[in-house]
Amino acid sequence: MRLRLLPHAGLSRPRLSVRRPRPLTAAMASHAGALPTWEEMWSRGLGKREQFDVGEPSKTLVGVLARSKFAEGPGKVAFVPGCGRAYDALALVEHGFDTVVAMDLAPSACDAAKAELKEIGAAAAEKVQVECGDFFEHSGTYDFIWDCTFLCALDISVRERWAAKHAELLAKGGRLVTCVFPICAKEGGPPYAMTVQLVRDLLEPLGFSAIDVRDPVPEDERHIPGGVVPGQATLPGTAVIVWAAPGSE
C-alpha cells in the first residue's frame, strides 16, 4: 500500500515493521468516512513521532487549555475522536476532566493508546477510556470535544454528517474545539486541505457559535505532526476555533 503523506511537509519516511493487519471491523466498510487505511498504517507498526503521530499533546491543544478553564466543577467529561495514542486525552485529564473518552476506528491504534497509557502509569491515565469504534455510531453527551486532524482524515462525502454528529454529542453549554489543519494548497487526501471558512460553513448552519478564532495560531501553538523535520520544508498552517454548542447562551 502507498502511504499518503502531506506533500512538501517534510515528513520523514516511517520505519514500519512487518505485521499482519488486524481484521477490519464492520464499521470500516459501512460508509465512505470509515477507511481501512488507518488500521493498515497502525498495524504495520506506526511508531511515535512518525507520520501523523505527534509524540506528545498537540501544541495547539496545550495553547487552548492554557487560555481557558474548560473543566470547572465535578463530573466533566471530554471526548477525543480519532485519538491515536491518546496523548491529547491524557492532557485533558490533567486539565481537570474527570473522564475522557478516547475513540479510534483502528483496533491497532486503540492497542497503541492502551499501551501508551499503561507505560505512563500515572493516576491520570486511569481516567482515560479508550474505545474502538465508529464516531458516526457513537452515542454519549460530552462537555468538551477536541477535534484535531479528524475532519481532514474523513472522506469529503461525510462532512455534513461529521458536523451533525458533533451537534448530537455536545452537551448544551459545552465546547467543541476544532484544530483546523492542514491549511495548505493541495488536492485530494486524506489528509484533505482545511480552511477556517470550510469548518464555519459546516458548523454554523447547525447553530454552533464561534467564540474564539485564532487564524493562524501563534507560532509556538502550531500543530506539528511527528513526521515533520523542522527546517526541511514548509509546515502547513494551523488555526483553532472554540465553538459554543447550539442553543448555548
C-alpha atoms as a PDB file:
ATOM      1  CA  MET A   1       0.000   0.000   0.000  1.00  0.00           C
ATOM      2  CA  ARG A   2       1.270   3.505  -0.837  1.00  0.00           C
ATOM      3  CA  LEU A   3       1.154   5.817   2.162  1.00  0.00           C
ATOM      4  CA  ARG A   4      -0.383   9.225   1.544  1.00  0.00           C
ATOM      5  CA  LEU A   5       1.828  11.888   3.114  1.00  0.00           C
ATOM      6  CA  LEU A   6       1.378  15.622   3.400  1.00  0.00           C
ATOM      7  CA  PRO A   7       3.096  16.992   0.283  1.00  0.00           C
ATOM      8  CA  HIS A   8       6.029  19.319   0.904  1.00  0.00           C
ATOM      9  CA  ALA A   9       5.555  18.970   4.648  1.00  0.00           C
ATOM     10  CA  GLY A  10       8.992  17.494   5.360  1.00  0.00           C
ATOM     11  CA  LEU A  11       7.685  14.188   6.598  1.00  0.00           C
ATOM     12  CA  SER A  12      10.327  11.604   7.268  1.00  0.00           C
ATOM     13  CA  ARG A  13       9.951   8.089   5.918  1.00  0.00           C
ATOM     14  CA  PRO A  14       8.281   5.870   8.542  1.00  0.00           C
ATOM     15  CA  ARG A  15      10.076   2.814   9.849  1.00  0.00           C
ATOM     16  CA  LEU A  16       7.348   0.218   9.507  1.00  0.00           C
ATOM     17  CA  SER A  17       7.659  -3.272  10.852  1.00  0.00           C
ATOM     18  CA  VAL A  18       6.136  -6.215   9.048  1.00  0.00           C
ATOM     19  CA  ARG A  19       2.997  -7.238  10.883  1.00  0.00           C
ATOM     20  CA  ARG A  20      -0.315  -8.537   9.602  1.00  0.00           C
ATOM     21  CA  PRO A  21      -3.180  -6.017   9.889  1.00  0.00           C
ATOM     22  CA  ARG A  22      -5.910  -6.687  12.423  1.00  0.00           C
ATOM     23  CA  PRO A  23      -9.200  -7.889  10.929  1.00  0.00           C
ATOM     24  CA  LEU A  24     -11.249  -4.955   9.697  1.00  0.00           C
ATOM     25  CA  THR A  25     -14.391  -4.215  11.657  1.00  0.00           C
ATOM     26  CA  ALA A  26     -17.808  -3.884  10.068  1.00  0.00           C
ATOM     27  CA  ALA A  27     -17.664  -0.136  10.743  1.00  0.00           C
ATOM     28  CA  MET A  28     -14.676   0.212   8.434  1.00  0.00           C
ATOM     29  CA  ALA A  29     -16.778  -0.791   5.463  1.00  0.00           C
ATOM     30  CA  SER A  30     -20.053   0.840   6.489  1.00  0.00           C
ATOM     31  CA  HIS A  31     -19.522   4.243   4.861  1.00  0.00           C
ATOM     32  CA  ALA A  32     -17.002   6.318   2.953  1.00  0.00           C
ATOM     33  CA  GLY A  33     -15.756   8.006   6.111  1.00  0.00           C
ATOM     34  CA  ALA A  34     -14.629   4.736   7.688  1.00  0.00           C
ATOM     35  CA  LEU A  35     -11.494   3.985   5.721  1.00  0.00           C
ATOM     36  CA  PRO A  36      -9.411   0.853   6.360  1.00  0.00           C
ATOM     37  CA  THR A  37      -6.327   2.973   5.570  1.00  0.00           C
ATOM     38  CA  TRP A  38      -5.721   3.864   9.187  1.00  0.00           C
ATOM     39  CA  GLU A  39      -5.782   0.305  10.537  1.00  0.00           C
ATOM     40  CA  GLU A  40      -3.405  -0.721   7.760  1.00  0.00           C
ATOM     41  CA  MET A  41      -0.955   2.019   8.776  1.00  0.00           C
ATOM     42  CA  TRP A  42      -1.185   1.356  12.505  1.00  0.00           C
ATOM     43  CA  SER A  43      -0.942  -2.411  12.154  1.00  0.00           C
ATOM     44  CA  ARG A  44       2.297  -2.071  10.206  1.00  0.00           C
ATOM     45  CA  GLY A  45       3.982  -0.620  13.257  1.00  0.00           C
ATOM     46  CA  LEU A  46       3.447   3.145  13.179  1.00  0.00           C
ATOM     47  CA  GLY A  47       5.935   4.451  15.730  1.00  0.00           C
ATOM     48  CA  LYS A  48       5.916   7.513  17.937  1.00  0.00           C
ATOM     49  CA  ARG A  49       6.595  10.746  16.032  1.00  0.00           C
ATOM     50  CA  GLU A  50       6.110   9.045  12.688  1.00  0.00           C
ATOM     51  CA  GLN A  51       3.670  10.322  10.087  1.00  0.00           C
ATOM     52  CA  PHE A  52       0.756  11.988  11.900  1.00  0.00           C
ATOM     53  CA  ASP A  53       1.738  10.744  15.395  1.00  0.00           C
ATOM     54  CA  VAL A  54       2.761  13.878  17.307  1.00  0.00           C
ATOM     55  CA  GLY A  55       4.513  12.024  20.130  1.00  0.00           C
ATOM     56  CA  GLU A  56       3.029  14.378  22.755  1.00  0.00           C
ATOM     57  CA  PRO A  57      -0.084  16.505  23.263  1.00  0.00           C
ATOM     58  CA  SER A  58      -0.725  18.828  20.322  1.00  0.00           C
ATOM     59  CA  LYS A  59       0.768  22.255  20.975  1.00  0.00           C
ATOM     60  CA  THR A  60      -2.496  23.673  19.673  1.00  0.00           C
ATOM     61  CA  LEU A  61      -4.463  21.964  22.434  1.00  0.00           C
ATOM     62  CA  VAL A  62      -1.909  22.986  25.037  1.00  0.00           C
ATOM     63  CA  GLY A  63      -2.387  26.618  23.996  1.00  0.00           C
ATOM     64  CA  VAL A  64      -6.182  26.389  24.150  1.00  0.00           C
ATOM     65  CA  LEU A  65      -6.133  24.827  27.616  1.00  0.00           C
ATOM     66  CA  ALA A  66      -3.697  27.464  28.877  1.00  0.00           C
ATOM     67  CA  ARG A  67      -6.091  30.288  27.920  1.00  0.00           C
ATOM     68  CA  SER A  68      -9.336  28.926  29.357  1.00  0.00           C
ATOM     69  CA  LYS A  69     -10.590  26.565  32.036  1.00  0.00           C
ATOM     70  CA  PHE A  70     -12.984  24.070  30.466  1.00  0.00           C
ATOM     71  CA  ALA A  71     -13.387  21.588  33.328  1.00  0.00           C
ATOM     72  CA  GLU A  72     -14.754  23.690  36.160  1.00  0.00           C
ATOM     73  CA  GLY A  73     -16.890  21.684  38.528  1.00  0.00           C
ATOM     74  CA  PRO A  74     -17.043  17.931  39.159  1.00  0.00           C
ATOM     75  CA  GLY A  75     -18.043  15.240  36.694  1.00  0.00           C
ATOM     76  CA  LYS A  76     -16.915  16.938  33.482  1.00  0.00           C
ATOM     77  CA  VAL A  77     -16.491  14.557  30.544  1.00  0.00           C
ATOM     78  CA  ALA A  78     -14.494  15.101  27.338  1.00  0.00           C
ATOM     79  CA  PHE A  79     -14.326  13.244  24.038  1.00  0.00           C
ATOM     80  CA  VAL A  80     -11.454  12.841  21.560  1.00  0.00           C
ATOM     81  CA  PRO A  81     -12.377  11.203  18.224  1.00  0.00           C
ATOM     82  CA  GLY A  82      -9.501   9.819  16.195  1.00  0.00           C
ATOM     83  CA  CYS A  83      -7.407   9.681  19.348  1.00  0.00           C
ATOM     84  CA  GLY A  84      -4.347   7.800  18.101  1.00  0.00           C
ATOM     85  CA  ARG A  85      -2.051   7.174  21.080  1.00  0.00           C
ATOM     86  CA  ALA A  86      -4.299   9.323  23.307  1.00  0.00           C
ATOM     87  CA  TYR A  87      -1.704  11.981  24.105  1.00  0.00           C
ATOM     88  CA  ASP A  88      -4.386  14.676  23.930  1.00  0.00           C
ATOM     89  CA  ALA A  89      -6.832  12.661  26.012  1.00  0.00           C
ATOM     90  CA  LEU A  90      -4.317  12.483  28.824  1.00  0.00           C
ATOM     91  CA  ALA A  91      -3.708  16.243  28.578  1.00  0.00           C
ATOM     92  CA  LEU A  92      -7.436  16.800  29.042  1.00  0.00           C
ATOM     93  CA  VAL A  93      -7.481  14.669  32.185  1.00  0.00           C
ATOM     94  CA  GLU A  94      -4.571  16.689  33.519  1.00  0.00           C
ATOM     95  CA  HIS A  95      -6.559  19.835  32.698  1.00  0.00           C
ATOM     96  CA  GLY A  96      -9.256  18.661  35.093  1.00  0.00           C
ATOM     97  CA  PHE A  97     -11.748  16.451  33.270  1.00  0.00           C
ATOM     98  CA  ASP A  98     -12.957  13.539  35.375  1.00  0.00           C
ATOM     99  CA  THR A  99     -13.324  11.247  32.366  1.00  0.00           C
ATOM    100  CA  VAL A 100     -12.041  11.432  28.811  1.00  0.00           C
ATOM    101  CA  VAL A 101     -13.311   9.027  26.169  1.00  0.00           C
ATOM    102  CA  ALA A 102     -10.638   8.475  23.525  1.00  0.00           C
ATOM    103  CA  MET A 103     -12.001   6.807  20.398  1.00  0.00           C
ATOM    104  CA  ASP A 104     -10.356   5.435  17.280  1.00  0.00           C
ATOM    105  CA  LEU A 105     -11.688   3.351  14.427  1.00  0.00           C
ATOM    106  CA  ALA A 106      -8.469   1.359  14.033  1.00  0.00           C
ATOM    107  CA  PRO A 107      -8.081  -1.521  16.526  1.00  0.00           C
ATOM    108  CA  SER A 108      -4.295  -1.275  16.366  1.00  0.00           C
ATOM    109  CA  ALA A 109      -4.449   2.429  17.229  1.00  0.00           C
ATOM    110  CA  CYS A 110      -6.537   1.587  20.293  1.00  0.00           C
ATOM    111  CA  ASP A 111      -3.973  -1.038  21.283  1.00  0.00           C
ATOM    112  CA  ALA A 112      -1.242   1.596  20.929  1.00  0.00           C
ATOM    113  CA  ALA A 113      -3.226   4.041  23.083  1.00  0.00           C
ATOM    114  CA  LYS A 114      -3.729   1.478  25.833  1.00  0.00           C
ATOM    115  CA  ALA A 115      -0.043   0.581  25.740  1.00  0.00           C
ATOM    116  CA  GLU A 116       0.922   4.255  25.965  1.00  0.00           C
ATOM    117  CA  LEU A 117      -1.338   4.856  28.952  1.00  0.00           C
ATOM    118  CA  LYS A 118      -0.073   1.717  30.686  1.00  0.00           C
ATOM    119  CA  GLU A 119       3.516   2.794  30.125  1.00  0.00           C
ATOM    120  CA  ILE A 120       2.823   6.217  31.633  1.00  0.00           C
ATOM    121  CA  GLY A 121       1.279   4.571  34.665  1.00  0.00           C
ATOM    122  CA  ALA A 122       0.076   7.834  36.212  1.00  0.00           C
ATOM    123  CA  ALA A 123      -3.218   8.041  38.080  1.00  0.00           C
ATOM    124  CA  ALA A 124      -4.464  10.412  35.384  1.00  0.00           C
ATOM    125  CA  ALA A 125      -4.149   7.656  32.782  1.00  0.00           C
ATOM    126  CA  GLU A 126      -6.848   5.669  34.588  1.00  0.00           C
ATOM    127  CA  LYS A 127      -9.368   8.390  33.728  1.00  0.00           C
ATOM    128  CA  VAL A 128      -8.907   7.861  30.000  1.00  0.00           C
ATOM    129  CA  GLN A 129     -11.332   5.358  28.500  1.00  0.00           C
ATOM    130  CA  VAL A 130     -10.096   4.023  25.169  1.00  0.00           C
ATOM    131  CA  GLU A 131     -12.901   2.857  22.888  1.00  0.00           C
ATOM    132  CA  CYS A 132     -12.546   1.249  19.475  1.00  0.00           C
ATOM    133  CA  GLY A 133     -15.460   2.247  17.307  1.00  0.00           C
ATOM    134  CA  ASP A 134     -17.061   4.411  14.653  1.00  0.00           C
ATOM    135  CA  PHE A 135     -17.521   8.089  15.514  1.00  0.00           C
ATOM    136  CA  PHE A 136     -20.749   8.193  13.490  1.00  0.00           C
ATOM    137  CA  GLU A 137     -22.253   5.339  15.500  1.00  0.00           C
ATOM    138  CA  HIS A 138     -21.104   6.636  18.879  1.00  0.00           C
ATOM    139  CA  SER A 139     -23.563   7.876  21.496  1.00  0.00           C
ATOM    140  CA  GLY A 140     -22.976   9.997  24.555  1.00  0.00           C
ATOM    141  CA  THR A 141     -23.092  13.527  25.918  1.00  0.00           C
ATOM    142  CA  TYR A 142     -19.896  15.494  26.412  1.00  0.00           C
ATOM    143  CA  ASP A 143     -18.948  18.808  27.983  1.00  0.00           C
ATOM    144  CA  PHE A 144     -15.932  19.185  25.719  1.00  0.00           C
ATOM    145  CA  ILE A 145     -14.896  17.690  22.377  1.00  0.00           C
ATOM    146  CA  TRP A 146     -11.435  18.061  20.867  1.00  0.00           C
ATOM    147  CA  ASP A 147     -11.396  17.502  17.100  1.00  0.00           C
ATOM    148  CA  CYS A 148      -7.812  17.522  15.883  1.00  0.00           C
ATOM    149  CA  THR A 149      -6.812  16.256  12.411  1.00  0.00           C
ATOM    150  CA  PHE A 150     -10.014  14.211  12.430  1.00  0.00           C
ATOM    151  CA  LEU A 151     -12.134  16.080   9.908  1.00  0.00           C
ATOM    152  CA  CYS A 152      -9.208  16.249   7.480  1.00  0.00           C
ATOM    153  CA  ALA A 153      -8.942  12.441   7.609  1.00  0.00           C
ATOM    154  CA  LEU A 154     -12.587  11.862   6.646  1.00  0.00           C
ATOM    155  CA  ASP A 155     -13.887  11.486   3.127  1.00  0.00           C
ATOM    156  CA  ILE A 156     -15.488  14.726   1.943  1.00  0.00           C
ATOM    157  CA  SER A 157     -18.809  12.916   1.453  1.00  0.00           C
ATOM    158  CA  VAL A 158     -19.376  12.657   5.227  1.00  0.00           C
ATOM    159  CA  ARG A 159     -18.508  16.199   6.274  1.00  0.00           C
ATOM    160  CA  GLU A 160     -22.117  17.214   6.928  1.00  0.00           C
ATOM    161  CA  ARG A 161     -22.579  14.033   8.983  1.00  0.00           C
ATOM    162  CA  TRP A 162     -19.453  14.996  10.943  1.00  0.00           C
ATOM    163  CA  ALA A 163     -20.970  18.349  11.860  1.00  0.00           C
ATOM    164  CA  ALA A 164     -24.346  16.836  12.749  1.00  0.00           C
ATOM    165  CA  LYS A 165     -22.709  14.227  14.975  1.00  0.00           C
ATOM    166  CA  HIS A 166     -20.837  16.873  16.938  1.00  0.00           C
ATOM    167  CA  ALA A 167     -24.128  18.717  17.449  1.00  0.00           C
ATOM    168  CA  GLU A 168     -25.634  15.479  18.774  1.00  0.00           C
ATOM    169  CA  LEU A 169     -22.753  14.635  21.121  1.00  0.00           C
ATOM    170  CA  LEU A 170     -22.027  18.065  22.623  1.00  0.00           C
ATOM    171  CA  ALA A 171     -23.945  18.991  25.763  1.00  0.00           C
ATOM    172  CA  LYS A 172     -25.795  22.275  25.930  1.00  0.00           C
ATOM    173  CA  GLY A 173     -23.307  24.755  27.288  1.00  0.00           C
ATOM    174  CA  GLY A 174     -20.431  22.552  26.131  1.00  0.00           C
ATOM    175  CA  ARG A 175     -17.482  23.444  23.950  1.00  0.00           C
ATOM    176  CA  LEU A 176     -16.229  21.931  20.721  1.00  0.00           C
ATOM    177  CA  VAL A 177     -12.680  22.869  19.776  1.00  0.00           C
ATOM    178  CA  THR A 178     -11.580  22.269  16.197  1.00  0.00           C
ATOM    179  CA  CYS A 179      -7.936  22.275  15.192  1.00  0.00           C
ATOM    180  CA  VAL A 180      -8.023  23.379  11.543  1.00  0.00           C
ATOM    181  CA  PHE A 181      -5.075  21.567   9.939  1.00  0.00           C
ATOM    182  CA  PRO A 182      -3.539  21.234   7.405  1.00  0.00           C
ATOM    183  CA  ILE A 183      -4.095  24.679   5.909  1.00  0.00           C
ATOM    184  CA  CYS A 184      -2.298  24.440   2.598  1.00  0.00           C
ATOM    185  CA  ALA A 185      -2.764  24.224  -1.154  1.00  0.00           C
ATOM    186  CA  LYS A 186      -3.159  20.561  -2.003  1.00  0.00           C
ATOM    187  CA  GLU A 187      -5.550  18.352  -3.882  1.00  0.00           C
ATOM    188  CA  GLY A 188      -7.038  15.105  -2.638  1.00  0.00           C
ATOM    189  CA  GLY A 189      -6.459  13.252   0.575  1.00  0.00           C
ATOM    190  CA  PRO A 190      -6.578  12.105   3.201  1.00  0.00           C
ATOM    191  CA  PRO A 191      -5.480  14.285   4.768  1.00  0.00           C
ATOM    192  CA  TYR A 192      -7.584  16.861   2.957  1.00  0.00           C
ATOM    193  CA  ALA A 193      -6.668  20.546   2.980  1.00  0.00           C
ATOM    194  CA  MET A 194      -8.658  22.563   5.521  1.00  0.00           C
ATOM    195  CA  THR A 195      -9.692  26.192   5.916  1.00  0.00           C
ATOM    196  CA  VAL A 196     -11.428  28.101   8.683  1.00  0.00           C
ATOM    197  CA  GLN A 197     -14.228  29.036   6.291  1.00  0.00           C
ATOM    198  CA  LEU A 198     -14.830  25.382   5.394  1.00  0.00           C
ATOM    199  CA  VAL A 199     -15.311  24.498   9.073  1.00  0.00           C
ATOM    200  CA  ARG A 200     -17.533  27.534   9.625  1.00  0.00           C
ATOM    201  CA  ASP A 201     -19.710  26.540   6.687  1.00  0.00           C
ATOM    202  CA  LEU A 202     -20.213  23.096   8.223  1.00  0.00           C
ATOM    203  CA  LEU A 203     -20.931  24.066  11.830  1.00  0.00           C
ATOM    204  CA  GLU A 204     -22.601  27.472  11.793  1.00  0.00           C
ATOM    205  CA  PRO A 205     -25.753  26.323   9.937  1.00  0.00           C
ATOM    206  CA  LEU A 206     -26.364  23.889  12.801  1.00  0.00           C
ATOM    207  CA  GLY A 207     -26.267  26.630  15.422  1.00  0.00           C
ATOM    208  CA  PHE A 208     -22.659  26.401  16.589  1.00  0.00           C
ATOM    209  CA  SER A 209     -21.239  29.789  17.579  1.00  0.00           C
ATOM    210  CA  ALA A 210     -17.534  30.554  17.181  1.00  0.00           C
ATOM    211  CA  ILE A 211     -16.466  32.276  20.406  1.00  0.00           C
ATOM    212  CA  ASP A 212     -12.715  32.272  19.808  1.00  0.00           C
ATOM    213  CA  VAL A 213     -10.962  32.053  16.442  1.00  0.00           C
ATOM    214  CA  ARG A 214      -7.168  32.011  16.122  1.00  0.00           C
ATOM    215  CA  ASP A 215      -6.219  32.118  12.462  1.00  0.00           C
ATOM    216  CA  PRO A 216      -3.398  31.480  12.453  1.00  0.00           C
ATOM    217  CA  VAL A 217      -2.430  30.258  15.899  1.00  0.00           C
ATOM    218  CA  PRO A 218       0.747  31.682  17.488  1.00  0.00           C
ATOM    219  CA  GLU A 219       3.918  30.112  16.151  1.00  0.00           C
ATOM    220  CA  ASP A 220       4.519  28.121  19.334  1.00  0.00           C
ATOM    221  CA  GLU A 221       0.996  26.621  19.139  1.00  0.00           C
ATOM    222  CA  ARG A 222       1.161  25.238  15.606  1.00  0.00           C
ATOM    223  CA  HIS A 223       0.179  21.605  15.225  1.00  0.00           C
ATOM    224  CA  ILE A 224       3.308  19.685  14.240  1.00  0.00           C
ATOM    225  CA  PRO A 225       2.922  16.066  13.073  1.00  0.00           C
ATOM    226  CA  GLY A 226       5.693  13.784  14.225  1.00  0.00           C
ATOM    227  CA  GLY A 227       6.902  13.136  10.700  1.00  0.00           C
ATOM    228  CA  VAL A 228       7.826  16.781  10.136  1.00  0.00           C
ATOM    229  CA  VAL A 229      11.536  17.560  10.076  1.00  0.00           C
ATOM    230  CA  PRO A 230      11.948  21.175  11.256  1.00  0.00           C
ATOM    231  CA  GLY A 231      13.700  23.409   8.775  1.00  0.00           C
ATOM    232  CA  GLN A 232      13.449  20.994   5.853  1.00  0.00           C
ATOM    233  CA  ALA A 233      10.119  22.124   4.461  1.00  0.00           C
ATOM    234  CA  THR A 234       7.204  24.491   4.944  1.00  0.00           C
ATOM    235  CA  LEU A 235       4.757  23.322   7.590  1.00  0.00           C
ATOM    236  CA  PRO A 236       1.042  23.618   6.712  1.00  0.00           C
ATOM    237  CA  GLY A 237      -0.799  26.304   8.610  1.00  0.00           C
ATOM    238  CA  THR A 238      -2.869  25.783  11.765  1.00  0.00           C
ATOM    239  CA  ALA A 239      -5.943  27.593  13.060  1.00  0.00           C
ATOM    240  CA  VAL A 240      -8.113  26.783  16.040  1.00  0.00           C
ATOM    241  CA  ILE A 241     -11.752  27.580  16.768  1.00  0.00           C
ATOM    242  CA  VAL A 242     -13.606  27.274  20.075  1.00  0.00           C
ATOM    243  CA  TRP A 243     -17.318  26.664  19.486  1.00  0.00           C
ATOM    244  CA  ALA A 244     -20.275  27.050  21.817  1.00  0.00           C
ATOM    245  CA  ALA A 245     -22.844  24.274  21.479  1.00  0.00           C
ATOM    246  CA  PRO A 246     -26.079  25.000  19.609  1.00  0.00           C
ATOM    247  CA  GLY A 247     -28.621  26.529  21.961  1.00  0.00           C
ATOM    248  CA  SER A 248     -25.993  27.769  24.434  1.00  0.00           C
ATOM    249  CA  GLU A 249     -26.360  31.225  25.867  1.00  0.00           C
END
